[in-house]
N, C-alpha and C. Protein backbone atom coordinates (compact mmCIF):
# COMPACT_ATOMS: atom_id res chain seq x y z
N MET A 1 -90.67 -77.58 5.02
CA MET A 1 -91.02 -76.38 5.06
C MET A 1 -90.20 -75.49 4.01
N LYS A 2 -88.93 -75.64 3.92
CA LYS A 2 -88.29 -74.94 3.13
C LYS A 2 -88.58 -75.10 1.71
N THR A 3 -88.90 -76.42 1.33
CA THR A 3 -89.58 -76.71 -0.21
C THR A 3 -90.62 -75.70 -0.28
N MET A 4 -91.58 -75.83 0.59
CA MET A 4 -92.84 -75.11 0.30
C MET A 4 -92.70 -73.49 0.23
N LEU A 5 -91.56 -72.93 0.85
CA LEU A 5 -91.16 -71.53 0.71
C LEU A 5 -90.51 -71.24 -0.77
N ILE A 6 -89.55 -72.25 -0.98
CA ILE A 6 -88.99 -72.13 -2.58
C ILE A 6 -90.36 -72.21 -3.65
N LEU A 7 -91.18 -73.20 -3.48
CA LEU A 7 -92.23 -73.33 -4.39
C LEU A 7 -93.12 -72.13 -4.40
N ALA A 8 -93.33 -71.63 -3.17
CA ALA A 8 -94.18 -70.36 -3.12
C ALA A 8 -93.34 -69.13 -3.96
N ALA A 9 -92.10 -69.07 -3.54
CA ALA A 9 -91.47 -68.11 -4.33
C ALA A 9 -91.44 -68.16 -5.75
N LEU A 10 -91.31 -69.45 -6.31
CA LEU A 10 -91.25 -69.70 -7.81
C LEU A 10 -92.60 -69.44 -8.29
N THR A 11 -93.36 -69.76 -7.78
CA THR A 11 -94.94 -69.47 -8.18
C THR A 11 -95.07 -67.80 -8.20
N ALA A 12 -94.50 -67.11 -7.15
CA ALA A 12 -94.96 -65.74 -7.19
C ALA A 12 -94.19 -64.98 -8.46
N VAL A 13 -92.67 -65.71 -8.73
CA VAL A 13 -91.92 -65.08 -9.92
C VAL A 13 -92.67 -65.58 -11.16
N ASN A 14 -93.10 -66.67 -11.32
CA ASN A 14 -94.17 -67.16 -12.48
C ASN A 14 -95.34 -66.11 -12.62
N VAL A 15 -96.14 -65.81 -11.64
CA VAL A 15 -97.26 -65.04 -11.90
C VAL A 15 -96.76 -63.63 -12.15
N GLY A 16 -95.57 -63.18 -11.52
CA GLY A 16 -95.21 -61.68 -12.07
C GLY A 16 -94.79 -61.85 -13.53
N ALA A 17 -94.02 -62.81 -14.11
CA ALA A 17 -93.59 -62.89 -15.46
C ALA A 17 -94.87 -62.87 -16.13
N LEU A 18 -95.92 -63.67 -15.94
CA LEU A 18 -97.12 -63.67 -16.72
C LEU A 18 -97.88 -62.60 -16.64
N ALA A 19 -97.86 -61.74 -15.65
CA ALA A 19 -98.47 -60.39 -15.65
C ALA A 19 -97.80 -59.41 -16.71
N LEU A 20 -96.42 -59.47 -16.43
CA LEU A 20 -95.57 -58.61 -17.38
C LEU A 20 -95.82 -59.25 -18.72
N SER A 21 -95.92 -60.23 -19.17
CA SER A 21 -96.06 -60.74 -20.43
C SER A 21 -97.33 -60.28 -21.11
N LEU A 22 -98.53 -60.36 -20.20
CA LEU A 22 -99.79 -60.18 -20.53
C LEU A 22 -99.92 -58.59 -20.89
N GLY A 23 -99.11 -57.67 -19.90
CA GLY A 23 -99.24 -56.41 -20.11
C GLY A 23 -98.47 -55.91 -21.39
N GLN A 24 -97.48 -56.54 -21.77
CA GLN A 24 -96.74 -56.26 -23.09
C GLN A 24 -97.44 -56.66 -24.27
N THR A 25 -98.28 -57.61 -24.23
CA THR A 25 -98.88 -58.15 -25.35
C THR A 25 -100.28 -57.17 -25.47
N HIS A 26 -100.74 -56.66 -24.48
CA HIS A 26 -101.87 -55.97 -24.57
C HIS A 26 -101.48 -54.43 -25.19
N ALA A 27 -100.19 -54.19 -24.61
CA ALA A 27 -99.89 -52.97 -25.21
C ALA A 27 -99.27 -52.84 -26.60
N ALA A 28 -98.89 -54.04 -26.95
CA ALA A 28 -98.64 -54.04 -28.58
C ALA A 28 -99.97 -54.28 -29.37
N ALA A 29 -100.95 -54.85 -28.87
CA ALA A 29 -102.20 -55.12 -29.60
C ALA A 29 -103.03 -53.69 -29.77
N ALA A 30 -102.72 -52.92 -28.77
CA ALA A 30 -103.47 -51.54 -28.72
C ALA A 30 -102.74 -50.42 -29.74
N SER A 31 -101.65 -50.81 -30.11
CA SER A 31 -100.73 -49.83 -30.62
C SER A 31 -101.36 -49.62 -32.11
N THR A 32 -101.40 -48.43 -32.39
CA THR A 32 -102.00 -48.12 -33.97
C THR A 32 -100.99 -47.91 -34.97
N ASP A 33 -99.74 -48.05 -34.63
CA ASP A 33 -98.57 -47.59 -35.61
C ASP A 33 -97.89 -48.82 -36.11
N GLN A 34 -98.71 -50.08 -36.01
CA GLN A 34 -98.12 -51.30 -36.55
C GLN A 34 -97.89 -51.09 -38.10
N ILE A 35 -96.74 -51.76 -38.51
CA ILE A 35 -96.15 -51.48 -39.85
C ILE A 35 -95.97 -52.86 -40.46
N LEU A 36 -96.23 -53.07 -41.56
CA LEU A 36 -95.96 -54.61 -42.10
C LEU A 36 -94.79 -54.08 -43.40
N ARG A 37 -93.69 -54.60 -43.07
CA ARG A 37 -92.54 -54.16 -44.04
C ARG A 37 -92.06 -55.45 -44.65
N GLY A 38 -91.71 -55.30 -46.02
CA GLY A 38 -91.19 -56.35 -46.88
C GLY A 38 -90.79 -55.86 -48.11
N ARG A 39 -90.19 -56.78 -49.05
CA ARG A 39 -89.83 -56.50 -50.40
C ARG A 39 -91.06 -56.93 -51.45
N GLY A 40 -92.12 -57.37 -50.86
CA GLY A 40 -93.18 -57.59 -51.88
C GLY A 40 -94.39 -58.33 -51.14
N LEU A 41 -95.50 -58.21 -51.46
CA LEU A 41 -96.75 -58.77 -50.76
C LEU A 41 -97.39 -59.71 -51.86
N GLU A 42 -98.04 -60.94 -51.71
CA GLU A 42 -98.83 -61.46 -52.51
C GLU A 42 -100.07 -61.98 -51.65
N ILE A 43 -101.20 -61.83 -52.22
CA ILE A 43 -102.39 -62.21 -51.57
C ILE A 43 -102.85 -63.37 -52.36
N VAL A 44 -103.28 -64.64 -51.73
CA VAL A 44 -103.80 -65.81 -52.45
C VAL A 44 -105.04 -66.23 -52.20
N ASP A 45 -105.79 -66.86 -53.06
CA ASP A 45 -107.20 -67.25 -52.74
C ASP A 45 -107.02 -68.73 -52.20
N ALA A 46 -108.27 -69.33 -52.00
CA ALA A 46 -108.32 -70.55 -51.13
C ALA A 46 -107.50 -71.73 -52.05
N ALA A 47 -107.25 -71.64 -53.32
CA ALA A 47 -106.61 -72.60 -53.83
C ALA A 47 -105.16 -72.39 -53.98
N GLY A 48 -104.74 -71.32 -53.55
CA GLY A 48 -103.29 -70.95 -53.47
C GLY A 48 -102.75 -70.11 -54.73
N ARG A 49 -103.79 -69.79 -55.65
CA ARG A 49 -103.35 -69.05 -56.61
C ARG A 49 -103.04 -67.48 -56.26
N VAL A 50 -102.23 -66.74 -56.83
CA VAL A 50 -101.94 -65.17 -56.45
C VAL A 50 -102.98 -64.51 -57.08
N ARG A 51 -103.62 -63.70 -56.28
CA ARG A 51 -104.82 -62.71 -56.77
C ARG A 51 -104.33 -61.38 -56.75
N ALA A 52 -103.65 -61.01 -55.95
CA ALA A 52 -103.02 -59.71 -56.00
C ALA A 52 -101.62 -59.72 -55.41
N SER A 53 -100.80 -58.75 -56.10
CA SER A 53 -99.29 -58.69 -55.53
C SER A 53 -98.81 -57.19 -55.77
N VAL A 54 -97.83 -56.89 -54.77
CA VAL A 54 -97.14 -55.60 -54.88
C VAL A 54 -95.68 -56.00 -54.81
N GLN A 55 -94.95 -55.46 -55.93
CA GLN A 55 -93.61 -55.91 -55.89
C GLN A 55 -92.69 -54.65 -56.45
N ILE A 56 -91.45 -54.68 -56.19
CA ILE A 56 -90.57 -53.85 -56.62
C ILE A 56 -89.76 -54.50 -57.82
N VAL A 57 -90.02 -54.03 -59.14
CA VAL A 57 -89.45 -54.62 -60.22
C VAL A 57 -88.13 -53.99 -60.39
N ALA A 58 -87.06 -54.78 -60.38
CA ALA A 58 -85.59 -54.18 -60.63
C ALA A 58 -85.37 -53.66 -62.13
N PRO A 59 -84.56 -52.53 -62.26
CA PRO A 59 -84.12 -52.04 -63.65
C PRO A 59 -83.67 -53.32 -64.29
N MET A 60 -84.11 -53.37 -65.72
CA MET A 60 -83.42 -54.39 -66.38
C MET A 60 -83.26 -53.63 -68.22
N ARG A 61 -82.60 -54.41 -68.88
CA ARG A 61 -82.41 -53.90 -70.13
C ARG A 61 -83.54 -54.44 -71.01
N GLN A 62 -84.02 -53.48 -71.81
CA GLN A 62 -84.97 -53.74 -72.88
C GLN A 62 -84.54 -54.37 -74.02
N PRO A 63 -85.48 -54.88 -74.77
CA PRO A 63 -84.90 -55.49 -76.19
C PRO A 63 -84.24 -54.49 -77.23
N ASP A 64 -84.71 -53.26 -76.88
CA ASP A 64 -84.26 -52.12 -77.85
C ASP A 64 -82.76 -51.64 -77.17
N GLY A 65 -82.34 -52.10 -76.17
CA GLY A 65 -81.18 -51.59 -75.52
C GLY A 65 -81.17 -50.55 -74.60
N THR A 66 -82.40 -49.93 -74.33
CA THR A 66 -82.49 -48.96 -73.32
C THR A 66 -82.75 -49.76 -72.04
N ARG A 67 -82.57 -49.11 -70.76
CA ARG A 67 -82.69 -49.48 -69.60
C ARG A 67 -83.94 -49.17 -68.77
N SER A 68 -84.73 -49.99 -68.46
CA SER A 68 -85.77 -49.63 -67.60
C SER A 68 -85.39 -49.11 -66.07
N GLU A 69 -86.46 -48.21 -65.49
CA GLU A 69 -86.01 -48.04 -64.17
C GLU A 69 -86.48 -48.89 -63.20
N GLU A 70 -86.14 -48.69 -61.79
CA GLU A 70 -87.10 -49.73 -60.73
C GLU A 70 -88.23 -49.11 -60.74
N THR A 71 -89.24 -50.10 -60.68
CA THR A 71 -90.61 -49.72 -60.57
C THR A 71 -91.29 -50.44 -59.59
N VAL A 72 -92.43 -49.84 -59.01
CA VAL A 72 -93.23 -50.48 -58.01
C VAL A 72 -94.52 -50.90 -58.77
N LEU A 73 -94.90 -52.10 -58.60
CA LEU A 73 -95.98 -52.56 -59.41
C LEU A 73 -97.19 -53.28 -58.53
N LEU A 74 -98.25 -52.87 -58.66
CA LEU A 74 -99.58 -53.54 -57.85
C LEU A 74 -100.26 -54.13 -59.08
N ARG A 75 -100.61 -55.35 -58.84
CA ARG A 75 -101.39 -56.23 -59.68
C ARG A 75 -102.69 -56.82 -59.22
N LEU A 76 -103.63 -56.90 -59.77
CA LEU A 76 -104.89 -57.37 -59.26
C LEU A 76 -105.28 -58.46 -60.52
N ILE A 77 -105.35 -59.65 -60.00
CA ILE A 77 -105.31 -60.97 -60.94
C ILE A 77 -106.67 -61.65 -60.89
N THR A 78 -107.19 -62.10 -62.15
CA THR A 78 -108.52 -62.81 -61.98
C THR A 78 -108.11 -64.17 -61.79
N GLU A 79 -109.28 -64.94 -61.32
CA GLU A 79 -109.28 -66.24 -61.11
C GLU A 79 -108.48 -67.09 -61.85
N LYS A 80 -108.46 -66.94 -63.36
CA LYS A 80 -107.74 -67.61 -64.33
C LYS A 80 -106.32 -67.07 -64.65
N GLY A 81 -105.87 -65.97 -63.81
CA GLY A 81 -104.57 -65.94 -63.89
C GLY A 81 -104.20 -64.51 -64.54
N ARG A 82 -105.15 -63.93 -65.25
CA ARG A 82 -104.91 -62.66 -65.89
C ARG A 82 -104.76 -61.49 -65.11
N PRO A 83 -103.68 -60.79 -65.16
CA PRO A 83 -103.53 -59.56 -64.42
C PRO A 83 -104.33 -58.44 -64.92
N SER A 84 -105.35 -58.20 -64.54
CA SER A 84 -106.43 -57.08 -65.14
C SER A 84 -106.27 -55.82 -64.83
N VAL A 85 -105.66 -55.39 -63.58
CA VAL A 85 -105.62 -54.18 -63.23
C VAL A 85 -104.06 -54.15 -62.54
N LYS A 86 -103.38 -53.03 -63.12
CA LYS A 86 -102.00 -52.87 -62.97
C LYS A 86 -101.76 -51.43 -62.57
N ILE A 87 -101.00 -51.02 -61.60
CA ILE A 87 -100.60 -49.67 -61.22
C ILE A 87 -99.22 -49.77 -61.03
N ALA A 88 -98.48 -48.97 -61.91
CA ALA A 88 -97.09 -48.84 -61.65
C ALA A 88 -96.58 -47.46 -61.68
N THR A 89 -95.44 -47.37 -60.85
CA THR A 89 -94.72 -46.09 -60.79
C THR A 89 -93.27 -46.22 -60.80
N SER A 90 -92.66 -45.13 -61.41
CA SER A 90 -91.15 -44.97 -61.40
C SER A 90 -90.76 -43.50 -61.27
N GLU A 91 -89.54 -43.43 -61.44
CA GLU A 91 -89.15 -42.01 -61.47
C GLU A 91 -89.54 -41.14 -62.68
N ARG A 92 -89.68 -41.99 -63.69
CA ARG A 92 -89.95 -41.41 -64.89
C ARG A 92 -91.61 -41.13 -65.34
N GLN A 93 -92.28 -42.21 -65.02
CA GLN A 93 -93.78 -42.17 -65.14
C GLN A 93 -94.42 -43.06 -64.34
N SER A 94 -95.59 -42.90 -64.42
CA SER A 94 -96.69 -43.65 -63.68
C SER A 94 -97.77 -44.23 -64.49
N ALA A 95 -98.45 -45.19 -64.52
CA ALA A 95 -99.27 -45.78 -65.39
C ALA A 95 -100.45 -46.69 -64.63
N LEU A 96 -101.52 -46.70 -65.25
CA LEU A 96 -102.90 -47.52 -64.64
C LEU A 96 -103.36 -48.26 -65.90
N SER A 97 -103.39 -49.48 -65.98
CA SER A 97 -103.77 -50.48 -66.83
C SER A 97 -104.95 -51.28 -66.32
N LEU A 98 -106.10 -51.12 -67.18
CA LEU A 98 -107.34 -51.93 -66.94
C LEU A 98 -107.34 -52.89 -68.15
N ALA A 99 -107.12 -54.19 -67.98
CA ALA A 99 -107.27 -55.04 -69.10
C ALA A 99 -108.62 -55.58 -69.05
N GLY A 100 -109.07 -56.10 -70.16
CA GLY A 100 -110.57 -56.96 -70.40
C GLY A 100 -110.08 -58.18 -69.49
N PRO A 101 -111.39 -58.94 -69.34
CA PRO A 101 -111.56 -60.24 -68.56
C PRO A 101 -110.57 -61.28 -69.30
N SER A 102 -110.47 -62.22 -68.74
CA SER A 102 -109.70 -63.48 -69.09
C SER A 102 -110.27 -63.97 -70.38
N GLY A 103 -109.41 -64.32 -71.50
CA GLY A 103 -109.88 -64.51 -72.78
C GLY A 103 -109.96 -63.47 -73.74
N THR A 104 -109.68 -62.22 -73.33
CA THR A 104 -109.59 -61.00 -74.37
C THR A 104 -108.11 -60.74 -74.36
N ARG A 105 -107.84 -60.29 -75.61
CA ARG A 105 -106.44 -59.94 -75.95
C ARG A 105 -106.10 -58.37 -76.00
N ASN A 106 -107.21 -57.68 -76.69
CA ASN A 106 -106.92 -56.41 -77.35
C ASN A 106 -107.67 -55.24 -76.30
N SER A 107 -108.45 -55.73 -75.45
CA SER A 107 -109.52 -54.91 -74.89
C SER A 107 -108.72 -54.22 -73.58
N TYR A 108 -108.60 -52.89 -73.51
CA TYR A 108 -107.73 -52.47 -72.36
C TYR A 108 -107.98 -50.76 -72.46
N VAL A 109 -107.79 -50.19 -71.24
CA VAL A 109 -107.58 -48.90 -70.91
C VAL A 109 -106.43 -48.72 -70.27
N LEU A 110 -105.55 -47.79 -70.87
CA LEU A 110 -104.16 -47.49 -70.34
C LEU A 110 -104.04 -45.85 -70.07
N ALA A 111 -103.66 -45.46 -69.04
CA ALA A 111 -103.43 -44.12 -68.58
C ALA A 111 -102.06 -43.99 -68.27
N ARG A 112 -101.50 -43.05 -68.86
CA ARG A 112 -99.99 -42.63 -68.49
C ARG A 112 -99.64 -41.27 -68.19
N ALA A 113 -98.82 -40.97 -67.25
CA ALA A 113 -98.49 -39.72 -66.86
C ALA A 113 -96.93 -39.53 -66.64
N GLY A 114 -96.25 -38.99 -67.56
CA GLY A 114 -94.80 -38.97 -67.68
C GLY A 114 -94.51 -37.56 -67.19
N ALA A 115 -92.98 -37.30 -67.17
CA ALA A 115 -92.44 -36.00 -66.85
C ALA A 115 -92.97 -34.74 -67.74
N SER A 116 -93.02 -35.21 -69.00
CA SER A 116 -93.46 -34.13 -70.13
C SER A 116 -94.69 -34.57 -70.94
N THR A 117 -95.04 -35.51 -70.91
CA THR A 117 -96.56 -36.14 -71.68
C THR A 117 -97.33 -37.06 -70.75
N SER A 118 -98.70 -37.01 -71.23
CA SER A 118 -99.48 -37.85 -70.65
C SER A 118 -100.43 -38.48 -71.69
N SER A 119 -100.97 -39.43 -71.38
CA SER A 119 -102.11 -40.09 -72.47
C SER A 119 -102.94 -41.02 -71.82
N LEU A 120 -104.09 -41.11 -72.75
CA LEU A 120 -105.24 -42.20 -72.30
C LEU A 120 -105.56 -42.94 -73.55
N VAL A 121 -105.37 -44.19 -73.36
CA VAL A 121 -105.60 -45.07 -74.56
C VAL A 121 -106.72 -45.94 -74.20
N VAL A 122 -107.70 -46.05 -74.98
CA VAL A 122 -108.91 -46.89 -74.85
C VAL A 122 -109.08 -47.84 -76.03
N ARG A 123 -108.95 -49.08 -75.95
CA ARG A 123 -108.97 -50.00 -77.10
C ARG A 123 -109.90 -50.99 -76.89
N ASN A 124 -110.70 -51.37 -77.91
CA ASN A 124 -111.71 -52.44 -77.98
C ASN A 124 -111.16 -53.64 -78.44
N GLU A 125 -111.76 -54.75 -78.08
CA GLU A 125 -111.32 -56.15 -78.71
C GLU A 125 -111.28 -56.25 -80.03
N ASP A 126 -112.10 -55.35 -80.89
CA ASP A 126 -111.96 -55.71 -82.32
C ASP A 126 -110.76 -54.80 -82.78
N GLY A 127 -110.04 -54.14 -81.97
CA GLY A 127 -108.90 -53.41 -82.41
C GLY A 127 -109.19 -52.00 -82.67
N SER A 128 -110.24 -51.35 -82.56
CA SER A 128 -110.64 -49.92 -82.58
C SER A 128 -110.12 -49.29 -81.44
N GLU A 129 -109.61 -48.11 -81.50
CA GLU A 129 -108.82 -47.45 -80.54
C GLU A 129 -109.00 -45.93 -80.45
N ARG A 130 -108.81 -45.43 -79.20
CA ARG A 130 -109.08 -43.83 -79.16
C ARG A 130 -107.76 -43.37 -78.37
N VAL A 131 -107.00 -42.52 -78.83
CA VAL A 131 -105.94 -41.99 -77.90
C VAL A 131 -106.31 -40.62 -77.60
N LEU A 132 -106.47 -40.29 -76.22
CA LEU A 132 -106.48 -38.84 -75.87
C LEU A 132 -105.08 -38.45 -75.32
N ALA A 133 -104.72 -37.34 -75.81
CA ALA A 133 -103.54 -36.85 -75.34
C ALA A 133 -103.55 -35.20 -75.62
N PRO A 134 -102.93 -34.59 -74.78
CA PRO A 134 -102.82 -33.02 -74.87
C PRO A 134 -102.13 -32.85 -76.28
N GLU A 135 -102.52 -31.63 -76.81
CA GLU A 135 -101.77 -31.13 -78.03
C GLU A 135 -100.77 -30.23 -77.55
């Protein structure tokens, strides 16, 4: 009889723990303020190729000796690995780059906005180019 009483008590405790657990899971799933945090994000296709990424690029020394600033960079990448869409921002400027498809080298649109200047560059694969900038 004592064993039956212990088993019944343990069963009641397990049912209570299960109910509490299900209640917490439901509350977490219903919450609308879920946040995904990290230092970067990569989206890959079925073959495991990175097709989109968001990353923070650390400051680095450029070939001309100047130092770049920390930059947040979003890239959308074609199936063949070409980053055709880039959006970047730092404290000094923001930029949007739309490059031609895989296999092109010179076809792009580049929009930049800095603290005191901004420009829009449109370039064709044949090298012809138009620059729009305020005077």
